[in-house]
Amino acid sequence: MLSIIIPTYNEAEQIAQTISKIHVANRNYDVEIIVVDGGSTDDTINTANKYGASVIHSKYKGRAAQMNMGALVAKHDILYFLHADSIPPHDFTSGIFEAFNKGAKSGCFRLQFDSDHWFLNANAWFTRFNLNAFRFGDQSLFVTKEIFQKASGFREDLLMMEDQEIVSRLKKFGKFEVIDDYVTTLARKYQYNGVYRMQSIFFLIWSLYYLGYSQEKLIEIRQKLIKNHKL
């Protein structure tokens, strides 16, 4: 019924918890978990195997390429893309299938952080709105395989903003729904870099992307400004 695709790169500390939470949240649906690894040098692959995921080794590092590879081997008709440091809501499978049965061809959940910082909560509040500007990869993404293929998948030339970019294309082929439940994502980047500083960097990158800056320039800015990045 559902193929869950998780791109990874050095996520040994988190992947076990993410996969475990998926198993707990699933309500006896036929679900496969596909971890597409981009060349991890830690214990990500062994850990993912241990916790019941199928692991694919991607020739290319980059979430877009890794997620596209996962979609190619997925055996089910609904794809669910999830970041390794994001935890889906309890009974998320039912939420996805209910949205699909009501006509949604793609969609996501709202976002919340594993932190009670007021500023992060305020930013996450806006993810309830079905506007492209408030769509982020940490919210996860479900889409029928048919629509994903019609949209030609993720753009592999994008190493940043690939999750947000695809949403506008998916909406051309059918209803997109923001499900009334929450994916919980780690606030670790904010803890490493400072909450206000991190959000300012994200806003800068978001703005420069829409102003037409190249991926190379955006990556240069990210690597210069963000500590503990994985690009």
C-alpha atoms as a PDB file:
ATOM      1  CA  MET A   1       0.000   0.000   0.000  1.00  0.00           C
ATOM      2  CA  LEU A   2       2.755   2.493   0.870  1.00  0.00           C
ATOM      3  CA  SER A   3       6.451   2.815   0.022  1.00  0.00           C
ATOM      4  CA  ILE A   4       8.386   4.974   2.497  1.00  0.00           C
ATOM      5  CA  ILE A   5      11.564   6.438   1.024  1.00  0.00           C
ATOM      6  CA  ILE A   6      14.234   7.874   3.318  1.00  0.00           C
ATOM      7  CA  PRO A   7      17.385   9.481   1.873  1.00  0.00           C
ATOM      8  CA  THR A   8      20.360   9.213   4.232  1.00  0.00           C
ATOM      9  CA  TYR A   9      23.894  10.420   4.653  1.00  0.00           C
ATOM     10  CA  ASN A  10      25.620   9.732   7.979  1.00  0.00           C
ATOM     11  CA  GLU A  11      22.376   9.369   9.967  1.00  0.00           C
ATOM     12  CA  ALA A  12      23.444   6.486  12.252  1.00  0.00           C
ATOM     13  CA  GLU A  13      22.455   8.448  15.362  1.00  0.00           C
ATOM     14  CA  GLN A  14      18.890   9.017  14.154  1.00  0.00           C
ATOM     15  CA  ILE A  15      17.845   6.371  11.632  1.00  0.00           C
ATOM     16  CA  ALA A  16      17.053   3.680  14.209  1.00  0.00           C
ATOM     17  CA  GLN A  17      14.589   5.943  16.014  1.00  0.00           C
ATOM     18  CA  THR A  18      12.945   7.042  12.761  1.00  0.00           C
ATOM     19  CA  ILE A  19      12.431   3.495  11.486  1.00  0.00           C
ATOM     20  CA  SER A  20      11.251   2.303  14.906  1.00  0.00           C
ATOM     21  CA  LYS A  21       8.664   5.085  15.041  1.00  0.00           C
ATOM     22  CA  ILE A  22       7.436   4.118  11.578  1.00  0.00           C
ATOM     23  CA  HIS A  23       6.876   0.529  12.712  1.00  0.00           C
ATOM     24  CA  VAL A  24       5.005   1.689  15.825  1.00  0.00           C
ATOM     25  CA  ALA A  25       2.831   4.174  13.922  1.00  0.00           C
ATOM     26  CA  ASN A  26       1.871   1.818  11.120  1.00  0.00           C
ATOM     27  CA  ARG A  27      -1.519   0.145  11.642  1.00  0.00           C
ATOM     28  CA  ASN A  28      -1.051  -3.203   9.893  1.00  0.00           C
ATOM     29  CA  TYR A  29      -0.796  -1.726   6.413  1.00  0.00           C
ATOM     30  CA  ASP A  30       1.469  -3.223   3.781  1.00  0.00           C
ATOM     31  CA  VAL A  31       4.415  -0.840   4.088  1.00  0.00           C
ATOM     32  CA  GLU A  32       7.966  -1.071   2.775  1.00  0.00           C
ATOM     33  CA  ILE A  33      10.761   1.119   4.098  1.00  0.00           C
ATOM     34  CA  ILE A  34      13.450   2.012   1.577  1.00  0.00           C
ATOM     35  CA  VAL A  35      16.600   3.751   2.809  1.00  0.00           C
ATOM     36  CA  VAL A  36      18.575   5.257  -0.061  1.00  0.00           C
ATOM     37  CA  ASP A  37      22.075   6.001   1.162  1.00  0.00           C
ATOM     38  CA  GLY A  38      24.345   8.580  -0.403  1.00  0.00           C
ATOM     39  CA  GLY A  39      27.669   7.146   0.752  1.00  0.00           C
ATOM     40  CA  SER A  40      27.540   7.229   4.539  1.00  0.00           C
ATOM     41  CA  THR A  41      30.826   6.674   6.344  1.00  0.00           C
ATOM     42  CA  ASP A  42      29.211   5.864   9.689  1.00  0.00           C
ATOM     43  CA  ASP A  43      26.961   2.936  10.693  1.00  0.00           C
ATOM     44  CA  THR A  44      23.826   4.191   8.918  1.00  0.00           C
ATOM     45  CA  ILE A  45      23.542   1.245   6.523  1.00  0.00           C
ATOM     46  CA  ASN A  46      24.009  -1.479   9.134  1.00  0.00           C
ATOM     47  CA  THR A  47      21.578   0.222  11.489  1.00  0.00           C
ATOM     48  CA  ALA A  48      18.907   0.620   8.798  1.00  0.00           C
ATOM     49  CA  ASN A  49      19.236  -3.044   7.855  1.00  0.00           C
ATOM     50  CA  LYS A  50      19.042  -4.083  11.496  1.00  0.00           C
ATOM     51  CA  TYR A  51      15.747  -2.225  11.959  1.00  0.00           C
ATOM     52  CA  GLY A  52      14.075  -3.772   8.934  1.00  0.00           C
ATOM     53  CA  ALA A  53      14.629  -1.327   6.081  1.00  0.00           C
ATOM     54  CA  SER A  54      15.735  -2.214   2.580  1.00  0.00           C
ATOM     55  CA  VAL A  55      18.924  -0.297   1.839  1.00  0.00           C
ATOM     56  CA  ILE A  56      19.872   0.949  -1.611  1.00  0.00           C
ATOM     57  CA  HIS A  57      23.261   2.460  -2.370  1.00  0.00           C
ATOM     58  CA  SER A  58      22.896   5.578  -4.487  1.00  0.00           C
ATOM     59  CA  LYS A  59      25.575   6.346  -7.052  1.00  0.00           C
ATOM     60  CA  TYR A  60      24.910  10.031  -6.483  1.00  0.00           C
ATOM     61  CA  LYS A  61      24.806  11.956  -3.216  1.00  0.00           C
ATOM     62  CA  GLY A  62      21.940  14.413  -3.000  1.00  0.00           C
ATOM     63  CA  ARG A  63      18.401  14.051  -1.672  1.00  0.00           C
ATOM     64  CA  ALA A  64      16.732  14.553  -5.075  1.00  0.00           C
ATOM     65  CA  ALA A  65      18.762  11.832  -6.785  1.00  0.00           C
ATOM     66  CA  GLN A  66      18.427   9.494  -3.807  1.00  0.00           C
ATOM     67  CA  MET A  67      14.667   9.942  -3.549  1.00  0.00           C
ATOM     68  CA  ASN A  68      14.213   9.427  -7.279  1.00  0.00           C
ATOM     69  CA  MET A  69      16.175   6.191  -7.017  1.00  0.00           C
ATOM     70  CA  GLY A  70      13.945   5.038  -4.175  1.00  0.00           C
ATOM     71  CA  ALA A  71      10.845   5.796  -6.240  1.00  0.00           C
ATOM     72  CA  LEU A  72      12.189   3.682  -9.098  1.00  0.00           C
ATOM     73  CA  VAL A  73      12.376   0.544  -6.970  1.00  0.00           C
ATOM     74  CA  ALA A  74       9.275   1.193  -4.849  1.00  0.00           C
ATOM     75  CA  LYS A  75       6.682  -1.551  -5.265  1.00  0.00           C
ATOM     76  CA  HIS A  76       3.601   0.319  -4.035  1.00  0.00           C
ATOM     77  CA  ASP A  77       1.415   2.928  -5.726  1.00  0.00           C
ATOM     78  CA  ILE A  78       1.725   5.593  -3.028  1.00  0.00           C
ATOM     79  CA  LEU A  79       5.157   7.026  -2.230  1.00  0.00           C
ATOM     80  CA  TYR A  80       5.989   8.705   1.060  1.00  0.00           C
ATOM     81  CA  PHE A  81       9.240  10.689   1.237  1.00  0.00           C
ATOM     82  CA  LEU A  82      10.580  11.240   4.741  1.00  0.00           C
ATOM     83  CA  HIS A  83      13.767  12.859   6.020  1.00  0.00           C
ATOM     84  CA  ALA A  84      15.910  10.719   8.298  1.00  0.00           C
ATOM     85  CA  ASP A  85      15.592  13.205  11.166  1.00  0.00           C
ATOM     86  CA  SER A  86      11.803  13.569  10.907  1.00  0.00           C
ATOM     87  CA  ILE A  87       9.281  11.448  12.822  1.00  0.00           C
ATOM     88  CA  PRO A  88       5.852  10.930  11.227  1.00  0.00           C
ATOM     89  CA  PRO A  89       2.728  11.324  13.355  1.00  0.00           C
ATOM     90  CA  HIS A  90       1.069   8.422  15.102  1.00  0.00           C
ATOM     91  CA  ASP A  91      -1.055   6.465  12.629  1.00  0.00           C
ATOM     92  CA  PHE A  92       0.330   8.526   9.743  1.00  0.00           C
ATOM     93  CA  THR A  93      -0.576   5.783   7.277  1.00  0.00           C
ATOM     94  CA  SER A  94      -4.286   6.220   7.998  1.00  0.00           C
ATOM     95  CA  GLY A  95      -3.926   9.972   7.527  1.00  0.00           C
ATOM     96  CA  ILE A  96      -2.343   9.502   4.120  1.00  0.00           C
ATOM     97  CA  PHE A  97      -4.911   6.948   2.954  1.00  0.00           C
ATOM     98  CA  GLU A  98      -7.819   9.077   4.174  1.00  0.00           C
ATOM     99  CA  ALA A  99      -6.495  12.063   2.220  1.00  0.00           C
ATOM    100  CA  PHE A 100      -6.011   9.859  -0.852  1.00  0.00           C
ATOM    101  CA  ASN A 101      -9.534   8.426  -0.574  1.00  0.00           C
ATOM    102  CA  LYS A 102     -10.870  11.988  -0.491  1.00  0.00           C
ATOM    103  CA  GLY A 103      -9.181  12.774  -3.787  1.00  0.00           C
ATOM    104  CA  ALA A 104      -5.726  14.041  -2.817  1.00  0.00           C
ATOM    105  CA  LYS A 105      -2.986  12.970  -5.213  1.00  0.00           C
ATOM    106  CA  SER A 106      -0.198  14.414  -3.100  1.00  0.00           C
ATOM    107  CA  GLY A 107       0.255  16.194   0.190  1.00  0.00           C
ATOM    108  CA  CYS A 108       2.145  16.551   3.428  1.00  0.00           C
ATOM    109  CA  PHE A 109       1.692  17.001   7.168  1.00  0.00           C
ATOM    110  CA  ARG A 110       2.146  20.109   9.254  1.00  0.00           C
ATOM    111  CA  LEU A 111       5.475  20.642  10.985  1.00  0.00           C
ATOM    112  CA  GLN A 112       6.580  20.805  14.590  1.00  0.00           C
ATOM    113  CA  PHE A 113      10.017  20.767  16.199  1.00  0.00           C
ATOM    114  CA  ASP A 114      11.278  18.640  19.080  1.00  0.00           C
ATOM    115  CA  SER A 115      11.769  21.910  20.950  1.00  0.00           C
ATOM    116  CA  ASP A 116       9.436  24.230  22.829  1.00  0.00           C
ATOM    117  CA  HIS A 117      11.236  27.373  21.660  1.00  0.00           C
ATOM    118  CA  TRP A 118       8.575  29.979  20.933  1.00  0.00           C
ATOM    119  CA  PHE A 119      10.216  31.176  17.715  1.00  0.00           C
ATOM    120  CA  LEU A 120      10.384  27.697  16.202  1.00  0.00           C
ATOM    121  CA  ASN A 121       6.775  27.067  17.207  1.00  0.00           C
ATOM    122  CA  ALA A 122       5.752  30.348  15.570  1.00  0.00           C
ATOM    123  CA  ASN A 123       7.473  29.419  12.314  1.00  0.00           C
ATOM    124  CA  ALA A 124       5.978  25.916  12.331  1.00  0.00           C
ATOM    125  CA  TRP A 125       2.479  27.383  12.826  1.00  0.00           C
ATOM    126  CA  PHE A 126       2.488  28.698   9.248  1.00  0.00           C
ATOM    127  CA  THR A 127       2.881  25.215   7.766  1.00  0.00           C
ATOM    128  CA  ARG A 128      -0.871  24.654   8.192  1.00  0.00           C
ATOM    129  CA  PHE A 129      -1.518  26.841   5.158  1.00  0.00           C
ATOM    130  CA  ASN A 130      -1.625  25.288   1.701  1.00  0.00           C
ATOM    131  CA  LEU A 131       0.793  27.792   0.180  1.00  0.00           C
ATOM    132  CA  ASN A 132       3.971  26.835  -1.640  1.00  0.00           C
ATOM    133  CA  ALA A 133       6.028  29.344   0.327  1.00  0.00           C
ATOM    134  CA  PHE A 134       5.348  27.335   3.506  1.00  0.00           C
ATOM    135  CA  ARG A 135       6.240  23.908   2.107  1.00  0.00           C
ATOM    136  CA  PHE A 136       9.399  22.352   3.485  1.00  0.00           C
ATOM    137  CA  GLY A 137      10.962  18.927   3.097  1.00  0.00           C
ATOM    138  CA  ASP A 138      10.831  18.312   6.838  1.00  0.00           C
ATOM    139  CA  GLN A 139       7.034  18.094   6.528  1.00  0.00           C
ATOM    140  CA  SER A 140       7.467  14.892   4.478  1.00  0.00           C
ATOM    141  CA  LEU A 141       5.615  14.320   1.210  1.00  0.00           C
ATOM    142  CA  PHE A 142       3.190  11.694  -0.062  1.00  0.00           C
ATOM    143  CA  VAL A 143       2.320  11.346  -3.741  1.00  0.00           C
ATOM    144  CA  THR A 144       0.901   8.674  -5.980  1.00  0.00           C
ATOM    145  CA  LYS A 145       3.515   7.003  -8.140  1.00  0.00           C
ATOM    146  CA  GLU A 146       1.504   7.954 -11.230  1.00  0.00           C
ATOM    147  CA  ILE A 147       1.568  11.669 -10.396  1.00  0.00           C
ATOM    148  CA  PHE A 148       5.218  11.526  -9.340  1.00  0.00           C
ATOM    149  CA  GLN A 149       6.127  10.088 -12.729  1.00  0.00           C
ATOM    150  CA  LYS A 150       3.995  12.623 -14.601  1.00  0.00           C
ATOM    151  CA  ALA A 151       5.836  15.397 -12.747  1.00  0.00           C
ATOM    152  CA  SER A 152       9.171  13.776 -13.700  1.00  0.00           C
ATOM    153  CA  GLY A 153      10.203  13.352 -10.067  1.00  0.00           C
ATOM    154  CA  PHE A 154      12.568  15.581  -8.139  1.00  0.00           C
ATOM    155  CA  ARG A 155      14.906  17.824 -10.071  1.00  0.00           C
ATOM    156  CA  GLU A 156      18.318  16.270  -9.598  1.00  0.00           C
ATOM    157  CA  ASP A 157      20.093  19.476 -10.579  1.00  0.00           C
ATOM    158  CA  LEU A 158      18.798  20.967  -7.308  1.00  0.00           C
ATOM    159  CA  LEU A 159      20.847  20.164  -4.223  1.00  0.00           C
ATOM    160  CA  MET A 160      18.766  22.632  -2.235  1.00  0.00           C
ATOM    161  CA  MET A 161      15.055  23.539  -2.332  1.00  0.00           C
ATOM    162  CA  GLU A 162      14.213  20.340  -4.226  1.00  0.00           C
ATOM    163  CA  ASP A 163      11.408  19.485  -1.787  1.00  0.00           C
ATOM    164  CA  GLN A 164       9.721  22.847  -2.153  1.00  0.00           C
ATOM    165  CA  GLU A 165      10.202  23.085  -5.914  1.00  0.00           C
ATOM    166  CA  ILE A 166       8.390  19.840  -6.709  1.00  0.00           C
ATOM    167  CA  VAL A 167       5.181  20.856  -4.930  1.00  0.00           C
ATOM    168  CA  SER A 168       4.181  23.426  -7.544  1.00  0.00           C
ATOM    169  CA  ARG A 169       4.560  20.779 -10.272  1.00  0.00           C
ATOM    170  CA  LEU A 170       2.624  18.136  -8.348  1.00  0.00           C
ATOM    171  CA  LYS A 171      -0.293  20.523  -7.889  1.00  0.00           C
ATOM    172  CA  LYS A 172      -0.728  20.708 -11.664  1.00  0.00           C
ATOM    173  CA  PHE A 173      -1.765  17.052 -11.726  1.00  0.00           C
ATOM    174  CA  GLY A 174      -4.227  16.893  -8.846  1.00  0.00           C
ATOM    175  CA  LYS A 175      -5.279  17.971  -5.389  1.00  0.00           C
ATOM    176  CA  PHE A 176      -2.545  18.642  -2.818  1.00  0.00           C
ATOM    177  CA  GLU A 177      -3.609  18.361   0.842  1.00  0.00           C
ATOM    178  CA  VAL A 178      -1.952  19.498   4.060  1.00  0.00           C
ATOM    179  CA  ILE A 179      -3.017  16.809   6.543  1.00  0.00           C
ATOM    180  CA  ASP A 180      -4.088  18.028   9.984  1.00  0.00           C
ATOM    181  CA  ASP A 181      -1.357  16.282  11.961  1.00  0.00           C
ATOM    182  CA  TYR A 182       2.321  16.881  12.641  1.00  0.00           C
ATOM    183  CA  VAL A 183       5.673  15.540  11.541  1.00  0.00           C
ATOM    184  CA  THR A 184       8.223  16.157  14.281  1.00  0.00           C
ATOM    185  CA  THR A 185      11.661  17.190  13.091  1.00  0.00           C
ATOM    186  CA  LEU A 186      14.845  17.631  15.079  1.00  0.00           C
ATOM    187  CA  ALA A 187      15.881  21.146  15.971  1.00  0.00           C
ATOM    188  CA  ARG A 188      19.537  20.104  15.943  1.00  0.00           C
ATOM    189  CA  LYS A 189      20.612  22.559  13.221  1.00  0.00           C
ATOM    190  CA  TYR A 190      19.096  25.374  15.260  1.00  0.00           C
ATOM    191  CA  GLN A 191      20.813  24.173  18.418  1.00  0.00           C
ATOM    192  CA  TYR A 192      24.196  24.042  16.663  1.00  0.00           C
ATOM    193  CA  ASN A 193      23.837  27.394  14.938  1.00  0.00           C
ATOM    194  CA  GLY A 194      21.448  29.392  17.133  1.00  0.00           C
ATOM    195  CA  VAL A 195      17.704  29.620  16.558  1.00  0.00           C
ATOM    196  CA  TYR A 196      17.494  33.167  15.194  1.00  0.00           C
ATOM    197  CA  ARG A 197      20.720  32.915  13.224  1.00  0.00           C
ATOM    198  CA  MET A 198      19.661  29.615  11.644  1.00  0.00           C
ATOM    199  CA  GLN A 199      16.260  30.923  10.609  1.00  0.00           C
ATOM    200  CA  SER A 200      17.866  34.052   9.168  1.00  0.00           C
ATOM    201  CA  ILE A 201      20.184  31.881   7.069  1.00  0.00           C
ATOM    202  CA  PHE A 202      17.270  29.780   5.811  1.00  0.00           C
ATOM    203  CA  PHE A 203      15.332  32.924   4.906  1.00  0.00           C
ATOM    204  CA  LEU A 204      18.372  34.310   3.081  1.00  0.00           C
ATOM    205  CA  ILE A 205      18.803  31.111   1.061  1.00  0.00           C
ATOM    206  CA  TRP A 206      15.062  30.931   0.342  1.00  0.00           C
ATOM    207  CA  SER A 207      15.065  34.546  -0.894  1.00  0.00           C
ATOM    208  CA  LEU A 208      18.163  34.129  -3.053  1.00  0.00           C
ATOM    209  CA  TYR A 209      16.709  30.967  -4.604  1.00  0.00           C
ATOM    210  CA  TYR A 210      13.595  32.845  -5.744  1.00  0.00           C
ATOM    211  CA  LEU A 211      15.772  35.699  -6.981  1.00  0.00           C
ATOM    212  CA  GLY A 212      17.428  33.222  -9.317  1.00  0.00           C
ATOM    213  CA  TYR A 213      20.777  32.587  -7.647  1.00  0.00           C
ATOM    214  CA  SER A 214      22.564  29.462  -8.849  1.00  0.00           C
ATOM    215  CA  GLN A 215      22.675  26.249  -6.836  1.00  0.00           C
ATOM    216  CA  GLU A 216      26.456  26.600  -6.638  1.00  0.00           C
ATOM    217  CA  LYS A 217      26.139  30.018  -4.999  1.00  0.00           C
ATOM    218  CA  LEU A 218      23.444  28.851  -2.582  1.00  0.00           C
ATOM    219  CA  ILE A 219      25.571  25.875  -1.541  1.00  0.00           C
ATOM    220  CA  GLU A 220      28.586  28.138  -1.072  1.00  0.00           C
ATOM    221  CA  ILE A 221      26.537  30.388   1.221  1.00  0.00           C
ATOM    222  CA  ARG A 222      25.161  27.442   3.181  1.00  0.00           C
ATOM    223  CA  GLN A 223      28.548  25.844   3.699  1.00  0.00           C
ATOM    224  CA  LYS A 224      30.038  29.153   4.769  1.00  0.00           C
ATOM    225  CA  LEU A 225      27.308  30.075   7.236  1.00  0.00           C
ATOM    226  CA  ILE A 226      25.947  26.795   8.647  1.00  0.00           C
ATOM    227  CA  LYS A 227      27.939  24.659  11.027  1.00  0.00           C
ATOM    228  CA  ASN A 228      27.501  20.877  10.826  1.00  0.00           C
ATOM    229  CA  HIS A 229      25.935  20.942   7.369  1.00  0.00           C
ATOM    230  CA  LYS A 230      25.818  17.752   5.282  1.00  0.00           C
ATOM    231  CA  LEU A 231      25.996  19.003   1.710  1.00  0.00           C
END
